[in-house]
PDB file of all heavy atoms in Angstrom:
ATOM      1  N   ASP A   1      -1.174   5.338 -10.415  1.00  0.00           N
ATOM      2  CA  ASP A   1      -1.127   5.463 -11.841  1.00  0.00           C
ATOM      3  C   ASP A   1      -0.140   6.551 -12.311  1.00  0.00           C
ATOM      4  O   ASP A   1      -0.194   7.667 -11.876  1.00  0.00           O
ATOM      5  CB  ASP A   1      -2.477   5.823 -12.496  1.00  0.00           C
ATOM      6  CG  ASP A   1      -2.479   5.758 -14.025  1.00  0.00           C
ATOM      7  OD1 ASP A   1      -2.057   6.728 -14.631  1.00  0.00           O
ATOM      8  OD2 ASP A   1      -2.922   4.723 -14.530  1.00  0.00           O
ATOM      9  N   GLY A   2       0.810   6.149 -13.142  1.00  0.00           N
ATOM     10  CA  GLY A   2       1.814   7.111 -13.714  1.00  0.00           C
ATOM     11  C   GLY A   2       1.675   7.182 -15.218  1.00  0.00           C
ATOM     12  O   GLY A   2       2.482   7.806 -15.788  1.00  0.00           O
ATOM     13  N   TYR A   3       0.593   6.669 -15.710  1.00  0.00           N
ATOM     14  CA  TYR A   3       0.395   6.755 -17.139  1.00  0.00           C
ATOM     15  C   TYR A   3      -0.499   8.030 -17.494  1.00  0.00           C
ATOM     16  O   TYR A   3      -0.165   8.900 -18.275  1.00  0.00           O
ATOM     17  CB  TYR A   3      -0.367   5.511 -17.718  1.00  0.00           C
ATOM     18  CG  TYR A   3      -0.702   5.546 -19.147  1.00  0.00           C
ATOM     19  CD1 TYR A   3       0.315   5.221 -20.111  1.00  0.00           C
ATOM     20  CD2 TYR A   3      -1.938   5.859 -19.586  1.00  0.00           C
ATOM     21  CE1 TYR A   3      -0.052   5.289 -21.495  1.00  0.00           C
ATOM     22  CE2 TYR A   3      -2.295   5.897 -20.921  1.00  0.00           C
ATOM     23  CZ  TYR A   3      -1.293   5.660 -21.882  1.00  0.00           C
ATOM     24  OH  TYR A   3      -1.623   5.705 -23.268  1.00  0.00           O
ATOM     25  N   TRP A   4      -1.691   8.129 -16.839  1.00  0.00           N
ATOM     26  CA  TRP A   4      -2.546   9.265 -16.996  1.00  0.00           C
ATOM     27  C   TRP A   4      -2.197  10.406 -16.073  1.00  0.00           C
ATOM     28  O   TRP A   4      -2.531  11.597 -16.441  1.00  0.00           O
ATOM     29  CB  TRP A   4      -3.986   8.803 -16.723  1.00  0.00           C
ATOM     30  CG  TRP A   4      -4.570   7.846 -17.612  1.00  0.00           C
ATOM     31  CD1 TRP A   4      -4.887   6.524 -17.404  1.00  0.00           C
ATOM     32  CD2 TRP A   4      -4.983   8.014 -19.011  1.00  0.00           C
ATOM     33  NE1 TRP A   4      -5.445   5.887 -18.470  1.00  0.00           N
ATOM     34  CE2 TRP A   4      -5.487   6.820 -19.497  1.00  0.00           C
ATOM     35  CE3 TRP A   4      -4.989   9.156 -19.873  1.00  0.00           C
ATOM     36  CZ2 TRP A   4      -5.973   6.680 -20.790  1.00  0.00           C
ATOM     37  CZ3 TRP A   4      -5.437   9.038 -21.128  1.00  0.00           C
ATOM     38  CH2 TRP A   4      -5.927   7.739 -21.571  1.00  0.00           C
ATOM     39  N   LEU A   5      -1.476  10.175 -15.060  1.00  0.00           N
ATOM     40  CA  LEU A   5      -1.288  11.139 -14.001  1.00  0.00           C
ATOM     41  C   LEU A   5       0.237  11.461 -13.929  1.00  0.00           C
ATOM     42  O   LEU A   5       1.054  10.553 -13.982  1.00  0.00           O
ATOM     43  CB  LEU A   5      -1.833  10.673 -12.631  1.00  0.00           C
ATOM     44  CG  LEU A   5      -3.261  10.323 -12.658  1.00  0.00           C
ATOM     45  CD1 LEU A   5      -3.618   9.742 -11.305  1.00  0.00           C
ATOM     46  CD2 LEU A   5      -4.185  11.528 -12.922  1.00  0.00           C
ATOM     47  N   ASP A   6       0.516  12.726 -13.588  1.00  0.00           N
ATOM     48  CA  ASP A   6       1.927  13.106 -13.406  1.00  0.00           C
ATOM     49  C   ASP A   6       2.234  13.103 -11.883  1.00  0.00           C
ATOM     50  O   ASP A   6       1.394  12.947 -11.056  1.00  0.00           O
ATOM     51  CB  ASP A   6       2.230  14.489 -14.054  1.00  0.00           C
ATOM     52  CG  ASP A   6       1.495  15.631 -13.507  1.00  0.00           C
ATOM     53  OD1 ASP A   6       1.179  15.680 -12.298  1.00  0.00           O
ATOM     54  OD2 ASP A   6       1.196  16.567 -14.273  1.00  0.00           O
ATOM     55  N   SER A   7       3.490  13.450 -11.663  1.00  0.00           N
ATOM     56  CA  SER A   7       3.995  13.322 -10.254  1.00  0.00           C
ATOM     57  C   SER A   7       3.383  14.331  -9.314  1.00  0.00           C
ATOM     58  O   SER A   7       3.434  14.112  -8.059  1.00  0.00           O
ATOM     59  CB  SER A   7       5.479  13.435 -10.197  1.00  0.00           C
ATOM     60  OG  SER A   7       5.888  14.751 -10.719  1.00  0.00           O
ATOM     61  N   SER A   8       2.778  15.397  -9.827  1.00  0.00           N
ATOM     62  CA  SER A   8       2.121  16.377  -8.974  1.00  0.00           C
ATOM     63  C   SER A   8       0.979  15.737  -8.092  1.00  0.00           C
ATOM     64  O   SER A   8       0.609  16.289  -7.023  1.00  0.00           O
ATOM     65  CB  SER A   8       1.577  17.542  -9.702  1.00  0.00           C
ATOM     66  OG  SER A   8       0.474  17.183 -10.552  1.00  0.00           O
ATOM     67  N   THR A   9       0.398  14.670  -8.599  1.00  0.00           N
ATOM     68  CA  THR A   9      -0.697  14.068  -7.890  1.00  0.00           C
ATOM     69  C   THR A   9      -0.280  12.980  -6.974  1.00  0.00           C
ATOM     70  O   THR A   9      -1.121  12.354  -6.298  1.00  0.00           O
ATOM     71  CB  THR A   9      -1.772  13.449  -8.874  1.00  0.00           C
ATOM     72  OG1 THR A   9      -1.144  12.400  -9.607  1.00  0.00           O
ATOM     73  CG2 THR A   9      -2.268  14.523  -9.846  1.00  0.00           C
ATOM     74  N   ALA A  10       1.009  12.658  -6.935  1.00  0.00           N
ATOM     75  CA  ALA A  10       1.454  11.515  -6.184  1.00  0.00           C
ATOM     76  C   ALA A  10       1.009  11.518  -4.732  1.00  0.00           C
ATOM     77  O   ALA A  10       0.622  10.477  -4.171  1.00  0.00           O
ATOM     78  CB  ALA A  10       3.023  11.445  -6.219  1.00  0.00           C
ATOM     79  N   PRO A  11       1.201  12.653  -4.038  1.00  0.00           N
ATOM     80  CA  PRO A  11       0.800  12.614  -2.551  1.00  0.00           C
ATOM     81  C   PRO A  11      -0.645  12.344  -2.337  1.00  0.00           C
ATOM     82  O   PRO A  11      -1.041  11.490  -1.487  1.00  0.00           O
ATOM     83  CB  PRO A  11       1.087  13.986  -2.108  1.00  0.00           C
ATOM     84  CG  PRO A  11       2.193  14.522  -2.976  1.00  0.00           C
ATOM     85  CD  PRO A  11       1.808  13.933  -4.326  1.00  0.00           C
ATOM     86  N   ALA A  12      -1.541  12.823  -3.219  1.00  0.00           N
ATOM     87  CA  ALA A  12      -2.971  12.551  -3.115  1.00  0.00           C
ATOM     88  C   ALA A  12      -3.299  11.134  -3.511  1.00  0.00           C
ATOM     89  O   ALA A  12      -4.124  10.501  -2.890  1.00  0.00           O
ATOM     90  CB  ALA A  12      -3.792  13.592  -3.981  1.00  0.00           C
ATOM     91  N   GLN A  13      -2.613  10.701  -4.577  1.00  0.00           N
ATOM     92  CA  GLN A  13      -2.832   9.260  -4.914  1.00  0.00           C
ATOM     93  C   GLN A  13      -2.458   8.294  -3.786  1.00  0.00           C
ATOM     94  O   GLN A  13      -3.193   7.402  -3.497  1.00  0.00           O
ATOM     95  CB  GLN A  13      -1.963   8.922  -6.109  1.00  0.00           C
ATOM     96  CG  GLN A  13      -2.413   9.440  -7.464  1.00  0.00           C
ATOM     97  CD  GLN A  13      -1.702   8.640  -8.631  1.00  0.00           C
ATOM     98  OE1 GLN A  13      -1.897   7.437  -8.756  1.00  0.00           O
ATOM     99  NE2 GLN A  13      -0.889   9.312  -9.352  1.00  0.00           N
ATOM    100  N   GLU A  14      -1.299   8.500  -3.239  1.00  0.00           N
ATOM    101  CA  GLU A  14      -0.823   7.613  -2.182  1.00  0.00           C
ATOM    102  C   GLU A  14      -1.680   7.716  -0.906  1.00  0.00           C
ATOM    103  O   GLU A  14      -1.898   6.693  -0.299  1.00  0.00           O
ATOM    104  CB  GLU A  14       0.644   7.996  -1.880  1.00  0.00           C
ATOM    105  CG  GLU A  14       1.565   7.618  -3.044  1.00  0.00           C
ATOM    106  CD  GLU A  14       3.008   7.785  -2.703  1.00  0.00           C
ATOM    107  OE1 GLU A  14       3.334   7.946  -1.513  1.00  0.00           O
ATOM    108  OE2 GLU A  14       3.865   7.711  -3.628  1.00  0.00           O
ATOM    109  N   GLN A  15      -2.216   8.882  -0.616  1.00  0.00           N
ATOM    110  CA  GLN A  15      -3.027   8.945   0.555  1.00  0.00           C
ATOM    111  C   GLN A  15      -4.334   8.088   0.381  1.00  0.00           C
ATOM    112  O   GLN A  15      -4.662   7.369   1.323  1.00  0.00           O
ATOM    113  CB  GLN A  15      -3.452  10.387   0.807  1.00  0.00           C
ATOM    114  CG  GLN A  15      -4.339  10.579   2.145  1.00  0.00           C
ATOM    115  CD  GLN A  15      -4.708  12.011   2.359  1.00  0.00           C
ATOM    116  OE1 GLN A  15      -4.119  12.976   1.729  1.00  0.00           O
ATOM    117  NE2 GLN A  15      -5.593  12.215   3.304  1.00  0.00           N
ATOM    118  N   VAL A  16      -4.997   8.218  -0.743  1.00  0.00           N
ATOM    119  CA  VAL A  16      -6.233   7.474  -0.919  1.00  0.00           C
ATOM    120  C   VAL A  16      -5.806   5.939  -0.985  1.00  0.00           C
ATOM    121  O   VAL A  16      -6.525   5.064  -0.431  1.00  0.00           O
ATOM    122  CB  VAL A  16      -6.896   7.926  -2.199  1.00  0.00           C
ATOM    123  CG1 VAL A  16      -8.092   6.928  -2.558  1.00  0.00           C
ATOM    124  CG2 VAL A  16      -7.346   9.341  -2.122  1.00  0.00           C
ATOM    125  N   PHE A  17      -4.794   5.675  -1.749  1.00  0.00           N
ATOM    126  CA  PHE A  17      -4.367   4.182  -1.845  1.00  0.00           C
ATOM    127  C   PHE A  17      -4.120   3.587  -0.446  1.00  0.00           C
ATOM    128  O   PHE A  17      -4.562   2.471  -0.111  1.00  0.00           O
ATOM    129  CB  PHE A  17      -3.118   4.170  -2.627  1.00  0.00           C
ATOM    130  CG  PHE A  17      -2.578   2.757  -2.878  1.00  0.00           C
ATOM    131  CD1 PHE A  17      -3.436   1.706  -3.092  1.00  0.00           C
ATOM    132  CD2 PHE A  17      -1.208   2.632  -3.074  1.00  0.00           C
ATOM    133  CE1 PHE A  17      -2.888   0.412  -3.370  1.00  0.00           C
ATOM    134  CE2 PHE A  17      -0.709   1.258  -3.361  1.00  0.00           C
ATOM    135  CZ  PHE A  17      -1.560   0.205  -3.483  1.00  0.00           C
ATOM    136  N   GLU A  18      -3.383   4.309   0.415  1.00  0.00           N
ATOM    137  CA  GLU A  18      -3.102   3.826   1.713  1.00  0.00           C
ATOM    138  C   GLU A  18      -4.352   3.701   2.659  1.00  0.00           C
ATOM    139  O   GLU A  18      -4.466   2.742   3.382  1.00  0.00           O
ATOM    140  CB  GLU A  18      -2.053   4.681   2.379  1.00  0.00           C
ATOM    141  CG  GLU A  18      -0.687   4.594   1.806  1.00  0.00           C
ATOM    142  CD  GLU A  18       0.403   5.547   2.397  1.00  0.00           C
ATOM    143  OE1 GLU A  18      -0.018   6.163   3.424  1.00  0.00           O
ATOM    144  OE2 GLU A  18       1.484   5.614   1.870  1.00  0.00           O
ATOM    145  N   GLU A  19      -5.279   4.567   2.527  1.00  0.00           N
ATOM    146  CA  GLU A  19      -6.522   4.414   3.221  1.00  0.00           C
ATOM    147  C   GLU A  19      -7.357   3.190   2.784  1.00  0.00           C
ATOM    148  O   GLU A  19      -7.919   2.534   3.572  1.00  0.00           O
ATOM    149  CB  GLU A  19      -7.341   5.713   3.168  1.00  0.00           C
ATOM    150  CG  GLU A  19      -6.763   6.853   3.850  1.00  0.00           C
ATOM    151  CD  GLU A  19      -7.657   8.098   3.872  1.00  0.00           C
ATOM    152  OE1 GLU A  19      -8.869   7.868   4.317  1.00  0.00           O
ATOM    153  OE2 GLU A  19      -7.275   9.175   3.616  1.00  0.00           O
ATOM    154  N   LEU A  20      -7.361   2.963   1.493  1.00  0.00           N
ATOM    155  CA  LEU A  20      -8.008   1.795   0.964  1.00  0.00           C
ATOM    156  C   LEU A  20      -7.324   0.495   1.389  1.00  0.00           C
ATOM    157  O   LEU A  20      -8.033  -0.484   1.725  1.00  0.00           O
ATOM    158  CB  LEU A  20      -8.197   1.878  -0.520  1.00  0.00           C
ATOM    159  CG  LEU A  20      -9.156   3.031  -0.996  1.00  0.00           C
ATOM    160  CD1 LEU A  20      -9.109   3.138  -2.531  1.00  0.00           C
ATOM    161  CD2 LEU A  20     -10.594   2.712  -0.578  1.00  0.00           C
ATOM    162  N   LEU A  21      -6.013   0.517   1.338  1.00  0.00           N
ATOM    163  CA  LEU A  21      -5.248  -0.634   1.796  1.00  0.00           C
ATOM    164  C   LEU A  21      -5.530  -0.889   3.263  1.00  0.00           C
ATOM    165  O   LEU A  21      -5.605  -2.104   3.704  1.00  0.00           O
ATOM    166  CB  LEU A  21      -3.749  -0.380   1.611  1.00  0.00           C
ATOM    167  CG  LEU A  21      -3.287  -0.505   0.102  1.00  0.00           C
ATOM    168  CD1 LEU A  21      -1.791  -0.112   0.054  1.00  0.00           C
ATOM    169  CD2 LEU A  21      -3.521  -1.787  -0.523  1.00  0.00           C
ATOM    170  N   ASP A  22      -5.702   0.098   4.051  1.00  0.00           N
ATOM    171  CA  ASP A  22      -5.978  -0.096   5.487  1.00  0.00           C
ATOM    172  C   ASP A  22      -7.342  -0.815   5.641  1.00  0.00           C
ATOM    173  O   ASP A  22      -7.423  -1.654   6.549  1.00  0.00           O
ATOM    174  CB  ASP A  22      -6.012   1.320   6.248  1.00  0.00           C
ATOM    175  CG  ASP A  22      -6.320   1.088   7.718  1.00  0.00           C
ATOM    176  OD1 ASP A  22      -5.426   0.623   8.434  1.00  0.00           O
ATOM    177  OD2 ASP A  22      -7.389   1.501   8.102  1.00  0.00           O
ATOM    178  N   ILE A  23      -8.289  -0.497   4.802  1.00  0.00           N
ATOM    179  CA  ILE A  23      -9.578  -1.231   4.880  1.00  0.00           C
ATOM    180  C   ILE A  23      -9.417  -2.685   4.587  1.00  0.00           C
ATOM    181  O   ILE A  23      -9.879  -3.538   5.339  1.00  0.00           O
ATOM    182  CB  ILE A  23     -10.613  -0.569   3.901  1.00  0.00           C
ATOM    183  CG1 ILE A  23     -10.911   0.831   4.283  1.00  0.00           C
ATOM    184  CG2 ILE A  23     -11.889  -1.410   3.891  1.00  0.00           C
ATOM    185  CD1 ILE A  23     -11.723   1.617   3.228  1.00  0.00           C
ATOM    186  N   ALA A  24      -8.641  -2.975   3.514  1.00  0.00           N
ATOM    187  CA  ALA A  24      -8.431  -4.299   3.148  1.00  0.00           C
ATOM    188  C   ALA A  24      -7.693  -5.114   4.277  1.00  0.00           C
ATOM    189  O   ALA A  24      -8.038  -6.230   4.628  1.00  0.00           O
ATOM    190  CB  ALA A  24      -7.642  -4.417   1.872  1.00  0.00           C
ATOM    191  N   LYS A  25      -6.682  -4.434   4.775  1.00  0.00           N
ATOM    192  CA  LYS A  25      -5.939  -5.073   5.865  1.00  0.00           C
ATOM    193  C   LYS A  25      -6.780  -5.277   7.099  1.00  0.00           C
ATOM    194  O   LYS A  25      -6.650  -6.341   7.781  1.00  0.00           O
ATOM    195  CB  LYS A  25      -4.679  -4.220   6.137  1.00  0.00           C
ATOM    196  CG  LYS A  25      -3.742  -4.876   7.153  1.00  0.00           C
ATOM    197  CD  LYS A  25      -2.481  -4.003   7.304  1.00  0.00           C
ATOM    198  CE  LYS A  25      -1.531  -4.542   8.331  1.00  0.00           C
ATOM    199  NZ  LYS A  25      -0.363  -3.676   8.493  1.00  0.00           N
ATOM    200  N   THR A  26      -7.500  -4.289   7.505  1.00  0.00           N
ATOM    201  CA  THR A  26      -8.298  -4.323   8.719  1.00  0.00           C
ATOM    202  C   THR A  26      -9.383  -5.469   8.656  1.00  0.00           C
ATOM    203  O   THR A  26      -9.510  -6.169   9.675  1.00  0.00           O
ATOM    204  CB  THR A  26      -9.027  -3.042   8.998  1.00  0.00           C
ATOM    205  OG1 THR A  26      -8.046  -1.980   9.151  1.00  0.00           O
ATOM    206  CG2 THR A  26      -9.898  -3.114  10.174  1.00  0.00           C
ATOM    207  N   TYR A  27      -9.924  -5.654   7.545  1.00  0.00           N
ATOM    208  CA  TYR A  27     -11.060  -6.628   7.436  1.00  0.00           C
ATOM    209  C   TYR A  27     -10.562  -7.939   6.722  1.00  0.00           C
ATOM    210  O   TYR A  27     -11.454  -8.713   6.404  1.00  0.00           O
ATOM    211  CB  TYR A  27     -12.203  -5.991   6.715  1.00  0.00           C
ATOM    212  CG  TYR A  27     -12.815  -4.894   7.592  1.00  0.00           C
ATOM    213  CD1 TYR A  27     -12.532  -3.574   7.305  1.00  0.00           C
ATOM    214  CD2 TYR A  27     -13.555  -5.197   8.700  1.00  0.00           C
ATOM    215  CE1 TYR A  27     -12.947  -2.537   8.146  1.00  0.00           C
ATOM    216  CE2 TYR A  27     -14.052  -4.219   9.557  1.00  0.00           C
ATOM    217  CZ  TYR A  27     -13.755  -2.842   9.247  1.00  0.00           C
ATOM    218  OH  TYR A  27     -14.221  -1.948  10.074  1.00  0.00           O
ATOM    219  N   LYS A  28      -9.273  -8.019   6.529  1.00  0.00           N
ATOM    220  CA  LYS A  28      -8.642  -9.269   6.042  1.00  0.00           C
ATOM    221  C   LYS A  28      -9.240  -9.740   4.681  1.00  0.00           C
ATOM    222  O   LYS A  28      -9.539 -10.969   4.452  1.00  0.00           O
ATOM    223  CB  LYS A  28      -8.787 -10.360   7.080  1.00  0.00           C
ATOM    224  CG  LYS A  28      -7.982 -10.032   8.332  1.00  0.00           C
ATOM    225  CD  LYS A  28      -8.103 -11.162   9.365  1.00  0.00           C
ATOM    226  CE  LYS A  28      -7.174 -10.911  10.586  1.00  0.00           C
ATOM    227  NZ  LYS A  28      -7.458  -9.586  11.231  1.00  0.00           N
ATOM    228  N   ILE A  29      -9.440  -8.758   3.809  1.00  0.00           N
ATOM    229  CA  ILE A  29      -9.920  -9.060   2.477  1.00  0.00           C
ATOM    230  C   ILE A  29      -8.865  -8.527   1.430  1.00  0.00           C
ATOM    231  O   ILE A  29      -8.020  -7.748   1.731  1.00  0.00           O
ATOM    232  CB  ILE A  29     -11.299  -8.417   2.194  1.00  0.00           C
ATOM    233  CG1 ILE A  29     -11.258  -6.854   2.459  1.00  0.00           C
ATOM    234  CG2 ILE A  29     -12.382  -9.109   2.955  1.00  0.00           C
ATOM    235  CD1 ILE A  29     -12.589  -6.212   2.123  1.00  0.00           C
ATOM    236  N   PRO A  30      -8.825  -9.126   0.233  1.00  0.00           N
ATOM    237  CA  PRO A  30      -7.804  -8.739  -0.707  1.00  0.00           C
ATOM    238  C   PRO A  30      -7.905  -7.248  -1.171  1.00  0.00           C
ATOM    239  O   PRO A  30      -9.027  -6.672  -1.292  1.00  0.00           O
ATOM    240  CB  PRO A  30      -8.058  -9.725  -1.913  1.00  0.00           C
ATOM    241  CG  PRO A  30      -8.950 -10.793  -1.362  1.00  0.00           C
ATOM    242  CD  PRO A  30      -9.723 -10.127  -0.200  1.00  0.00           C
ATOM    243  N   ALA A  31      -6.780  -6.681  -1.489  1.00  0.00           N
ATOM    244  CA  ALA A  31      -6.660  -5.434  -2.202  1.00  0.00           C
ATOM    245  C   ALA A  31      -6.415  -5.795  -3.669  1.00  0.00           C
ATOM    246  O   ALA A  31      -5.440  -6.515  -3.979  1.00  0.00           O
ATOM    247  CB  ALA A  31      -5.608  -4.524  -1.644  1.00  0.00           C
ATOM    248  N   ILE A  32      -7.228  -5.250  -4.648  1.00  0.00           N
ATOM    249  CA  ILE A  32      -7.016  -5.521  -6.013  1.00  0.00           C
ATOM    250  C   ILE A  32      -6.405  -4.260  -6.660  1.00  0.00           C
ATOM    251  O   ILE A  32      -7.013  -3.185  -6.645  1.00  0.00           O
ATOM    252  CB  ILE A  32      -8.365  -5.946  -6.685  1.00  0.00           C
ATOM    253  CG1 ILE A  32      -8.811  -7.139  -5.937  1.00  0.00           C
ATOM    254  CG2 ILE A  32      -8.102  -6.237  -8.117  1.00  0.00           C
ATOM    255  CD1 ILE A  32     -10.279  -7.507  -6.290  1.00  0.00           C
ATOM    256  N   ILE A  33      -5.236  -4.390  -7.144  1.00  0.00           N
ATOM    257  CA  ILE A  33      -4.334  -3.169  -7.355  1.00  0.00           C
ATOM    258  C   ILE A  33      -3.941  -2.857  -8.764  1.00  0.00           C
ATOM    259  O   ILE A  33      -3.514  -3.781  -9.539  1.00  0.00           O
ATOM    260  CB  ILE A  33      -3.117  -3.430  -6.469  1.00  0.00           C
ATOM    261  CG1 ILE A  33      -3.493  -3.447  -5.022  1.00  0.00           C
ATOM    262  CG2 ILE A  33      -2.037  -2.270  -6.668  1.00  0.00           C
ATOM    263  CD1 ILE A  33      -2.395  -4.007  -4.040  1.00  0.00           C
ATOM    264  N   HIS A  34      -4.025  -1.595  -9.061  1.00  0.00           N
ATOM    265  CA  HIS A  34      -3.691  -0.982 -10.286  1.00  0.00           C
ATOM    266  C   HIS A  34      -2.287  -0.356 -10.051  1.00  0.00           C
ATOM    267  O   HIS A  34      -2.193   0.409  -9.058  1.00  0.00           O
ATOM    268  CB  HIS A  34      -4.635   0.033 -10.705  1.00  0.00           C
ATOM    269  CG  HIS A  34      -4.364   0.920 -11.892  1.00  0.00           C
ATOM    270  ND1 HIS A  34      -4.895   0.791 -13.100  1.00  0.00           N
ATOM    271  CD2 HIS A  34      -3.459   1.948 -11.990  1.00  0.00           C
ATOM    272  CE1 HIS A  34      -4.439   1.686 -13.965  1.00  0.00           C
ATOM    273  NE2 HIS A  34      -3.571   2.399 -13.318  1.00  0.00           N
ATOM    274  N   SER A  35      -1.284  -0.552 -10.823  1.00  0.00           N
ATOM    275  CA  SER A  35       0.056  -0.101 -10.561  1.00  0.00           C
ATOM    276  C   SER A  35       0.756   0.486 -11.855  1.00  0.00           C
ATOM    277  O   SER A  35       2.042   0.447 -11.846  1.00  0.00           O
ATOM    278  CB  SER A  35       0.868  -1.292  -9.933  1.00  0.00           C
ATOM    279  OG  SER A  35       0.999  -2.303 -10.882  1.00  0.00           O
ATOM    280  N   ARG A  36      -0.012   0.861 -12.831  1.00  0.00           N
ATOM    281  CA  ARG A  36       0.528   1.193 -14.106  1.00  0.00           C
ATOM    282  C   ARG A  36       1.599   2.297 -14.064  1.00  0.00           C
ATOM    283  O   ARG A  36       1.319   3.468 -13.588  1.00  0.00           O
ATOM    284  CB  ARG A  36      -0.613   1.626 -15.031  1.00  0.00           C
ATOM    285  CG  ARG A  36      -0.255   1.681 -16.480  1.00  0.00           C
ATOM    286  CD  ARG A  36      -1.433   2.105 -17.333  1.00  0.00           C
ATOM    287  NE  ARG A  36      -1.161   1.976 -18.733  1.00  0.00           N
ATOM    288  CZ  ARG A  36      -2.004   2.313 -19.704  1.00  0.00           C
ATOM    289  NH1 ARG A  36      -3.205   2.789 -19.357  1.00  0.00           N
ATOM    290  NH2 ARG A  36      -1.703   2.192 -20.957  1.00  0.00           N
ATOM    291  N   LYS A  37       2.808   2.026 -14.445  1.00  0.00           N
ATOM    292  CA  LYS A  37       3.946   2.912 -14.641  1.00  0.00           C
ATOM    293  C   LYS A  37       4.503   3.298 -13.205  1.00  0.00           C
ATOM    294  O   LYS A  37       5.472   4.093 -13.123  1.00  0.00           O
ATOM    295  CB  LYS A  37       3.619   4.166 -15.347  1.00  0.00           C
ATOM    296  CG  LYS A  37       3.205   3.849 -16.805  1.00  0.00           C
ATOM    297  CD  LYS A  37       4.317   3.413 -17.621  1.00  0.00           C
ATOM    298  CE  LYS A  37       3.966   3.255 -19.117  1.00  0.00           C
ATOM    299  NZ  LYS A  37       5.005   2.738 -19.955  1.00  0.00           N
ATOM    300  N   LEU A  38       3.901   2.775 -12.111  1.00  0.00           N
ATOM    301  CA  LEU A  38       4.392   3.082 -10.785  1.00  0.00           C
ATOM    302  C   LEU A  38       4.484   1.832  -9.938  1.00  0.00           C
ATOM    303  O   LEU A  38       4.205   1.701  -8.828  1.00  0.00           O
ATOM    304  CB  LEU A  38       3.498   4.040 -10.027  1.00  0.00           C
ATOM    305  CG  LEU A  38       3.575   5.521 -10.611  1.00  0.00           C
ATOM    306  CD1 LEU A  38       2.478   6.374  -9.897  1.00  0.00           C
ATOM    307  CD2 LEU A  38       4.912   6.110 -10.272  1.00  0.00           C
ATOM    308  N   GLU A  39       4.955   0.734 -10.644  1.00  0.00           N
ATOM    309  CA  GLU A  39       5.015  -0.591  -9.987  1.00  0.00           C
ATOM    310  C   GLU A  39       5.932  -0.667  -8.781  1.00  0.00           C
ATOM    311  O   GLU A  39       5.545  -1.183  -7.737  1.00  0.00           O
ATOM    312  CB  GLU A  39       5.394  -1.667 -11.044  1.00  0.00           C
ATOM    313  CG  GLU A  39       4.392  -1.853 -12.168  1.00  0.00           C
ATOM    314  CD  GLU A  39       4.544  -0.882 -13.352  1.00  0.00           C
ATOM    315  OE1 GLU A  39       5.575  -0.122 -13.281  1.00  0.00           O
ATOM    316  OE2 GLU A  39       3.739  -0.947 -14.265  1.00  0.00           O
TER     317      GLU A  39
END
């Protein structure tokens, strides 16, 4: 999210996002994604 959050949170945002994507990928289920202002 780049609407509510500024770039200082980018590393933490991406770390959590990537860990959740890993779960989706590992168990072959969809990731349902919010991408506001950081598409």
